[in-house]
């Protein structure tokens, strides 16, 4: 079986950028460029994952909200970057 794990919420890329960059005190507008060629077609009104099957069969439901999830993702990337920087400083030693 395939399952969808989702929050039943919808968010924009702009919202994601605002939370992610804001978490590290940066202005997303200084780093993100918009190219209309990559916009979704106008006929796509709203995209929301439906996790009803996961809840019914697995008893799973989302507990982590959007803002918290984005901050967790940024923290994980920052930790990876820090480890990479340390490895480079030490000459790629494990």
N, C-alpha and C. Protein backbone atom coordinates (compact mmCIF):
# COMPACT_ATOMS: atom_id res chain seq x y z
N UNK A 1 0.82 -1.20 0.00
CA UNK A 1 0.00 0.00 0.00
C UNK A 1 0.87 1.26 0.00
N UNK A 2 0.36 2.27 -0.63
CA UNK A 2 0.99 3.59 -0.60
C UNK A 2 0.21 4.47 0.37
N UNK A 3 0.94 5.31 1.10
CA UNK A 3 0.32 6.20 2.06
C UNK A 3 0.80 7.63 1.82
N UNK A 4 -0.08 8.57 2.08
CA UNK A 4 0.27 9.99 2.04
C UNK A 4 0.37 10.46 3.48
N UNK A 5 1.51 11.04 3.82
CA UNK A 5 1.69 11.63 5.14
C UNK A 5 1.68 13.14 4.95
N UNK A 6 0.65 13.78 5.44
CA UNK A 6 0.46 15.21 5.18
C UNK A 6 -0.27 15.86 6.35
N UNK A 7 -0.27 17.17 6.34
CA UNK A 7 -0.89 17.93 7.43
C UNK A 7 -2.30 18.41 7.12
N UNK A 8 -2.74 18.20 5.89
CA UNK A 8 -4.02 18.74 5.42
C UNK A 8 -4.03 20.27 5.46
N UNK A 9 -2.87 20.86 5.32
CA UNK A 9 -2.71 22.31 5.25
C UNK A 9 -2.08 22.64 3.90
N UNK A 10 -2.22 23.88 3.49
CA UNK A 10 -1.55 24.33 2.27
C UNK A 10 -0.73 25.57 2.60
N UNK A 11 0.44 25.65 2.01
CA UNK A 11 1.34 26.78 2.24
C UNK A 11 2.02 27.13 0.93
N UNK A 12 2.39 28.38 0.80
CA UNK A 12 3.06 28.84 -0.41
C UNK A 12 4.58 28.71 -0.24
N UNK A 13 5.26 28.76 -1.36
CA UNK A 13 6.72 28.78 -1.34
C UNK A 13 7.18 30.03 -0.59
N UNK A 14 6.48 31.11 -0.78
CA UNK A 14 6.82 32.36 -0.07
C UNK A 14 6.74 32.16 1.44
N UNK A 15 5.69 31.49 1.92
CA UNK A 15 5.57 31.23 3.36
C UNK A 15 6.74 30.38 3.85
N UNK A 16 7.09 29.37 3.05
CA UNK A 16 8.22 28.51 3.42
C UNK A 16 9.49 29.35 3.55
N UNK A 17 9.74 30.20 2.56
CA UNK A 17 10.94 31.05 2.58
C UNK A 17 10.93 32.00 3.77
N UNK A 18 9.78 32.59 4.05
CA UNK A 18 9.69 33.52 5.18
C UNK A 18 10.05 32.84 6.49
N UNK A 19 9.53 31.64 6.71
CA UNK A 19 9.81 30.92 7.95
C UNK A 19 11.26 30.44 7.98
N UNK A 20 11.72 29.84 6.88
CA UNK A 20 13.08 29.28 6.85
C UNK A 20 14.15 30.35 7.02
N UNK A 21 14.09 31.37 6.21
CA UNK A 21 15.10 32.43 6.29
C UNK A 21 14.95 33.23 7.58
N UNK A 22 13.71 33.44 8.01
CA UNK A 22 13.48 34.16 9.26
C UNK A 22 14.07 33.44 10.45
N UNK A 23 14.08 32.11 10.40
CA UNK A 23 14.63 31.31 11.49
C UNK A 23 16.12 31.59 11.71
N UNK A 24 16.81 31.98 10.66
CA UNK A 24 18.24 32.31 10.77
C UNK A 24 18.48 33.80 10.55
N UNK A 25 17.44 34.58 10.79
CA UNK A 25 17.52 36.05 10.74
C UNK A 25 18.02 36.59 9.41
N UNK A 26 17.52 36.02 8.32
CA UNK A 26 17.87 36.50 6.98
C UNK A 26 16.60 36.94 6.26
N UNK A 27 16.74 37.87 5.34
CA UNK A 27 15.63 38.31 4.50
C UNK A 27 15.64 37.46 3.23
N UNK A 28 14.63 36.63 3.07
CA UNK A 28 14.60 35.69 1.95
C UNK A 28 14.67 36.41 0.61
N UNK A 29 14.18 37.62 0.54
CA UNK A 29 14.16 38.36 -0.73
C UNK A 29 15.57 38.66 -1.25
N UNK A 30 16.55 38.62 -0.37
CA UNK A 30 17.94 38.86 -0.78
C UNK A 30 18.58 37.61 -1.38
N UNK A 31 17.93 36.44 -1.25
CA UNK A 31 18.53 35.18 -1.68
C UNK A 31 17.71 34.40 -2.70
N UNK A 32 16.43 34.66 -2.79
CA UNK A 32 15.52 33.88 -3.64
C UNK A 32 15.10 34.72 -4.84
N UNK A 33 15.20 34.12 -6.01
CA UNK A 33 14.76 34.80 -7.23
C UNK A 33 13.52 34.08 -7.77
N UNK A 34 12.62 34.85 -8.33
CA UNK A 34 11.38 34.32 -8.89
C UNK A 34 11.51 34.29 -10.41
N UNK A 35 11.17 33.14 -10.99
CA UNK A 35 11.17 33.02 -12.45
C UNK A 35 9.80 32.50 -12.86
N UNK A 36 8.99 33.31 -13.52
CA UNK A 36 7.63 32.92 -13.90
C UNK A 36 7.56 31.65 -14.74
N UNK A 37 8.66 31.28 -15.39
CA UNK A 37 8.65 30.05 -16.20
C UNK A 37 8.39 28.81 -15.37
N UNK A 38 8.65 28.89 -14.07
CA UNK A 38 8.51 27.72 -13.21
C UNK A 38 7.25 27.75 -12.36
N UNK A 39 6.34 28.65 -12.63
CA UNK A 39 5.08 28.70 -11.90
C UNK A 39 4.17 27.56 -12.35
N UNK A 40 3.32 27.12 -11.43
CA UNK A 40 2.34 26.09 -11.78
C UNK A 40 1.30 26.69 -12.72
N UNK A 41 0.70 25.83 -13.54
CA UNK A 41 -0.38 26.31 -14.41
C UNK A 41 -1.54 26.87 -13.58
N UNK A 42 -2.26 27.81 -14.15
CA UNK A 42 -3.35 28.48 -13.43
C UNK A 42 -4.47 27.53 -13.02
N UNK A 43 -4.62 26.41 -13.72
CA UNK A 43 -5.74 25.51 -13.40
C UNK A 43 -5.53 24.74 -12.09
N UNK A 44 -4.34 24.79 -11.51
CA UNK A 44 -4.10 24.13 -10.23
C UNK A 44 -4.48 25.12 -9.13
N UNK A 45 -5.65 24.90 -8.53
CA UNK A 45 -6.16 25.84 -7.54
C UNK A 45 -5.49 25.66 -6.18
N UNK A 46 -5.47 24.42 -5.71
CA UNK A 46 -4.97 24.18 -4.36
C UNK A 46 -4.43 22.75 -4.28
N UNK A 47 -3.34 22.60 -3.57
CA UNK A 47 -2.74 21.28 -3.38
C UNK A 47 -2.65 21.00 -1.88
N UNK A 48 -3.38 19.97 -1.45
CA UNK A 48 -3.37 19.58 -0.05
C UNK A 48 -3.30 18.06 0.01
N UNK A 49 -2.32 17.54 0.74
CA UNK A 49 -2.20 16.10 0.91
C UNK A 49 -3.29 15.57 1.82
N UNK A 50 -3.84 14.42 1.48
CA UNK A 50 -4.90 13.81 2.28
C UNK A 50 -4.33 12.57 2.98
N UNK A 51 -4.17 12.67 4.29
CA UNK A 51 -3.58 11.59 5.07
C UNK A 51 -4.63 10.69 5.71
N UNK A 52 -5.85 10.71 5.21
CA UNK A 52 -6.94 9.93 5.82
C UNK A 52 -6.63 8.44 5.85
N UNK A 53 -6.05 7.90 4.78
CA UNK A 53 -5.73 6.47 4.72
C UNK A 53 -4.67 6.12 5.77
N UNK A 54 -3.66 6.97 5.93
CA UNK A 54 -2.62 6.73 6.93
C UNK A 54 -3.21 6.75 8.33
N UNK A 55 -4.15 7.65 8.55
CA UNK A 55 -4.79 7.72 9.87
C UNK A 55 -5.65 6.49 10.12
N UNK A 56 -6.43 6.10 9.11
CA UNK A 56 -7.35 4.97 9.26
C UNK A 56 -6.61 3.66 9.46
N UNK A 57 -5.60 3.40 8.65
CA UNK A 57 -4.92 2.10 8.69
C UNK A 57 -3.78 2.07 9.70
N UNK A 58 -3.02 3.15 9.78
CA UNK A 58 -1.82 3.17 10.62
C UNK A 58 -2.02 3.92 11.94
N UNK A 59 -3.11 4.65 12.04
CA UNK A 59 -3.33 5.47 13.23
C UNK A 59 -2.42 6.69 13.28
N UNK A 60 -1.87 7.06 12.13
CA UNK A 60 -0.93 8.19 12.05
C UNK A 60 -1.67 9.49 11.81
N UNK A 61 -1.24 10.53 12.49
CA UNK A 61 -1.71 11.87 12.17
C UNK A 61 -0.58 12.85 12.46
N UNK A 62 -0.56 13.93 11.73
CA UNK A 62 0.50 14.92 11.86
C UNK A 62 0.46 15.58 13.23
N UNK A 63 1.62 15.66 13.85
CA UNK A 63 1.73 16.35 15.14
C UNK A 63 2.62 17.58 15.02
N UNK A 64 3.45 17.62 13.98
CA UNK A 64 4.36 18.73 13.78
C UNK A 64 3.73 19.71 12.80
N UNK A 65 3.58 20.94 13.23
CA UNK A 65 2.97 21.96 12.38
C UNK A 65 4.00 22.54 11.43
N UNK A 66 3.52 23.25 10.45
CA UNK A 66 4.34 23.79 9.36
C UNK A 66 5.55 24.58 9.86
N UNK A 67 5.32 25.59 10.68
CA UNK A 67 6.43 26.44 11.13
C UNK A 67 7.50 25.63 11.85
N UNK A 68 7.07 24.72 12.72
CA UNK A 68 8.02 23.88 13.45
C UNK A 68 8.79 22.98 12.50
N UNK A 69 8.10 22.39 11.52
CA UNK A 69 8.76 21.51 10.56
C UNK A 69 9.81 22.27 9.76
N UNK A 70 9.49 23.46 9.30
CA UNK A 70 10.45 24.25 8.54
C UNK A 70 11.66 24.57 9.40
N UNK A 71 11.44 24.95 10.65
CA UNK A 71 12.57 25.25 11.54
C UNK A 71 13.42 24.02 11.78
N UNK A 72 12.80 22.86 11.93
CA UNK A 72 13.55 21.60 12.09
C UNK A 72 14.41 21.32 10.85
N UNK A 73 13.85 21.57 9.68
CA UNK A 73 14.59 21.35 8.43
C UNK A 73 15.80 22.29 8.35
N UNK A 74 15.60 23.55 8.70
CA UNK A 74 16.71 24.51 8.68
C UNK A 74 17.77 24.11 9.69
N UNK A 75 17.35 23.73 10.89
CA UNK A 75 18.31 23.30 11.91
C UNK A 75 19.13 22.10 11.44
N UNK A 76 18.48 21.15 10.77
CA UNK A 76 19.19 19.97 10.27
C UNK A 76 20.21 20.37 9.20
N UNK A 77 19.82 21.27 8.31
CA UNK A 77 20.76 21.73 7.28
C UNK A 77 21.93 22.50 7.90
N UNK A 78 21.65 23.30 8.91
CA UNK A 78 22.72 24.05 9.57
C UNK A 78 23.69 23.09 10.27
N UNK A 79 23.17 22.03 10.88
CA UNK A 79 24.03 21.04 11.53
C UNK A 79 24.90 20.33 10.50
N UNK A 80 24.33 19.99 9.34
CA UNK A 80 25.12 19.37 8.27
C UNK A 80 26.22 20.30 7.79
N UNK A 81 25.89 21.55 7.62
CA UNK A 81 26.87 22.53 7.17
C UNK A 81 27.99 22.68 8.19
N UNK A 82 27.63 22.69 9.46
CA UNK A 82 28.64 22.80 10.51
C UNK A 82 29.58 21.60 10.50
N UNK A 83 29.01 20.39 10.36
CA UNK A 83 29.85 19.18 10.30
C UNK A 83 30.77 19.22 9.09
N UNK A 84 30.24 19.65 7.95
CA UNK A 84 31.05 19.74 6.74
C UNK A 84 32.19 20.74 6.94
N UNK A 85 31.91 21.86 7.55
CA UNK A 85 32.93 22.87 7.80
C UNK A 85 34.01 22.33 8.72
N UNK A 86 33.63 21.60 9.75
CA UNK A 86 34.60 21.01 10.67
C UNK A 86 35.46 19.99 9.94
N UNK A 87 34.84 19.13 9.12
CA UNK A 87 35.60 18.13 8.36
C UNK A 87 36.59 18.79 7.43
N UNK A 88 36.16 19.84 6.75
CA UNK A 88 37.06 20.54 5.84
C UNK A 88 38.22 21.17 6.60
N UNK A 89 37.94 21.69 7.76
CA UNK A 89 38.98 22.31 8.59
C UNK A 89 39.99 21.26 9.06
N UNK A 90 39.50 20.06 9.36
CA UNK A 90 40.37 18.99 9.85
C UNK A 90 40.99 18.18 8.72
N UNK A 91 40.71 18.51 7.49
CA UNK A 91 41.27 17.78 6.36
C UNK A 91 40.56 16.49 6.05
N UNK A 92 39.22 16.50 6.13
CA UNK A 92 38.38 15.34 5.81
C UNK A 92 38.64 14.13 6.70
N UNK A 93 39.07 14.34 7.92
CA UNK A 93 39.22 13.23 8.85
C UNK A 93 37.85 12.86 9.40
N UNK A 94 37.57 11.58 9.61
CA UNK A 94 36.26 11.17 10.16
C UNK A 94 36.04 11.66 11.57
